[in-house]
Amino acid sequence: MESKRILLVEDDQGMREVLRDILEDEGFKITTAENGKFALKELENQSFDLILTDLKMPQMDGMEFLEIIEQNHPETKVIVITAYGGKDSYNQAKYLGAFEFLSKSIRVEELKKVIKGVINRENET
């Protein structure tokens, strides 16, 4: 079975590296980007089974990034993971097509379970 491809968009280098290592250990093929602008460049060259993105990032925040993904790549599944999530952010992210909205304080095992669940879901229209 081919490895599922995940685009990990996170401005904090330490968090980005930890998440990359965790997900690679689960057998995923990971591409990283430090913000939405770099992530969009990655999306020009390849497709992904899932995007895991932060909300608070320089140059292009997660909501702006989500809006572009919804417009240009609506088939791509997105999980938002943030330390700054409130009800309004949750509602806006879900409206913009995010499958899940998670806190960065989530346990590693739960995060892996959610990611696998989203990747294995049939595309919803």
Protein backbone atom coordinates (compact mmCIF):
# COMPACT_ATOMS: atom_id res chain seq x y z
CA MET A 1 0.00 0.00 0.00
CA GLU A 2 1.29 3.46 -0.93
CA SER A 3 2.10 5.85 1.91
CA LYS A 4 -0.41 8.62 2.40
CA ARG A 5 0.95 12.11 1.77
CA ILE A 6 0.53 14.83 4.40
CA LEU A 7 1.40 18.51 4.05
CA LEU A 8 2.33 19.81 7.51
CA VAL A 9 2.03 23.61 7.80
CA GLU A 10 3.49 24.93 11.06
CA ASP A 11 5.56 28.06 11.71
CA ASP A 12 7.24 26.78 14.89
CA GLN A 13 10.26 24.80 13.72
CA GLY A 14 10.44 22.63 16.84
CA MET A 15 6.75 21.69 16.64
CA ARG A 16 7.07 21.10 12.89
CA GLU A 17 9.99 18.70 13.41
CA VAL A 18 8.29 16.81 16.26
CA LEU A 19 5.05 16.37 14.28
CA ARG A 20 7.00 15.36 11.16
CA ASP A 21 8.92 12.68 13.10
CA ILE A 22 5.76 11.35 14.76
CA LEU A 23 3.90 11.11 11.47
CA GLU A 24 6.81 9.62 9.54
CA ASP A 25 7.07 6.94 12.25
CA GLU A 26 3.42 6.11 11.43
CA GLY A 27 4.37 5.55 7.79
CA PHE A 28 3.12 8.82 6.30
CA LYS A 29 5.10 10.72 3.66
CA ILE A 30 5.48 14.22 5.10
CA THR A 31 6.18 17.51 3.35
CA THR A 32 6.57 20.54 5.60
CA ALA A 33 5.98 24.25 5.11
CA GLU A 34 6.54 27.07 7.58
CA ASN A 35 3.43 29.04 6.56
CA GLY A 36 0.53 29.16 4.14
CA LYS A 37 2.50 30.84 1.34
CA PHE A 38 5.12 28.10 1.27
CA ALA A 39 2.39 25.47 1.56
CA LEU A 40 0.64 26.85 -1.54
CA LYS A 41 3.89 26.48 -3.48
CA GLU A 42 4.03 22.82 -2.42
CA LEU A 43 0.44 22.36 -3.60
CA GLU A 44 1.39 23.67 -7.05
CA ASN A 45 3.77 20.73 -7.49
CA GLN A 46 2.00 17.82 -5.82
CA SER A 47 -1.23 16.67 -4.25
CA PHE A 48 -1.75 15.53 -0.69
CA ASP A 49 -4.15 13.20 1.08
CA LEU A 50 -4.27 15.55 4.07
CA ILE A 51 -3.13 18.99 5.17
CA LEU A 52 -2.38 19.53 8.85
CA THR A 53 -2.17 23.28 9.48
CA ASP A 54 -1.68 25.74 12.29
CA LEU A 55 -3.84 28.89 12.47
CA LYS A 56 -1.47 31.56 13.76
CA MET A 57 1.36 31.94 11.24
CA PRO A 58 3.25 34.87 9.70
CA GLN A 59 2.67 36.06 6.11
CA MET A 60 -0.51 34.01 5.65
CA ASP A 61 -2.54 32.74 8.59
CA GLY A 62 -4.36 29.45 8.68
CA MET A 63 -7.81 30.88 7.94
CA GLU A 64 -6.61 32.62 4.78
CA PHE A 65 -4.83 29.42 3.80
CA LEU A 66 -7.99 27.37 4.47
CA GLU A 67 -10.03 29.70 2.29
CA ILE A 68 -7.64 29.23 -0.63
CA ILE A 69 -7.62 25.45 -0.13
CA GLU A 70 -11.42 25.38 -0.11
CA GLN A 71 -11.53 27.37 -3.36
CA ASN A 72 -8.71 25.63 -5.25
CA HIS A 73 -8.36 22.17 -3.69
CA PRO A 74 -11.78 21.33 -2.21
CA GLU A 75 -11.07 17.60 -2.39
CA THR A 76 -8.11 17.92 0.00
CA LYS A 77 -8.87 17.08 3.62
CA VAL A 78 -7.65 19.56 6.23
CA ILE A 79 -7.11 19.31 9.97
CA VAL A 80 -6.47 22.52 11.92
CA ILE A 81 -4.28 22.17 14.99
CA THR A 82 -3.79 25.30 17.09
CA ALA A 83 -3.04 26.66 20.52
CA TYR A 84 -5.41 29.58 19.86
CA GLY A 85 -8.76 27.99 19.20
CA GLY A 86 -12.02 29.46 20.30
CA LYS A 87 -15.60 28.87 19.22
CA ASP A 88 -15.43 31.52 16.48
CA SER A 89 -12.21 30.07 15.05
CA TYR A 90 -13.71 26.58 15.19
CA ASN A 91 -16.86 27.69 13.37
CA GLN A 92 -14.92 29.60 10.72
CA ALA A 93 -12.51 26.70 10.12
CA LYS A 94 -15.37 24.22 9.77
CA TYR A 95 -17.17 26.61 7.39
CA LEU A 96 -13.99 26.78 5.30
CA GLY A 97 -13.87 23.00 4.99
CA ALA A 98 -11.71 21.80 7.88
CA PHE A 99 -12.55 18.21 8.79
CA GLU A 100 -11.25 18.56 12.35
CA PHE A 101 -10.17 21.37 14.68
CA LEU A 102 -7.73 20.27 17.38
CA SER A 103 -5.83 21.83 20.25
CA LYS A 104 -2.04 21.55 20.26
CA SER A 105 -2.38 20.11 23.74
CA ILE A 106 -3.86 16.93 22.21
CA ARG A 107 -2.12 13.69 23.17
CA VAL A 108 0.03 12.10 20.47
CA GLU A 109 -1.99 8.88 20.33
CA GLU A 110 -5.25 10.79 19.93
CA LEU A 111 -3.72 12.96 17.20
CA LYS A 112 -2.58 9.89 15.27
CA LYS A 113 -6.04 8.36 15.63
CA VAL A 114 -7.77 11.51 14.32
CA ILE A 115 -5.37 11.82 11.38
CA LYS A 116 -5.87 8.20 10.37
CA GLY A 117 -9.64 8.59 10.72
CA VAL A 118 -9.75 11.67 8.49
CA ILE A 119 -7.47 10.15 5.86
CA ASN A 120 -9.57 6.98 5.72
CA ARG A 121 -12.91 8.82 5.39
CA GLU A 122 -14.54 8.83 2.01
CA ASN A 123 -14.55 12.25 0.38
CA GLU A 124 -17.61 14.15 1.51
CA THR A 125 -19.39 16.36 -0.98
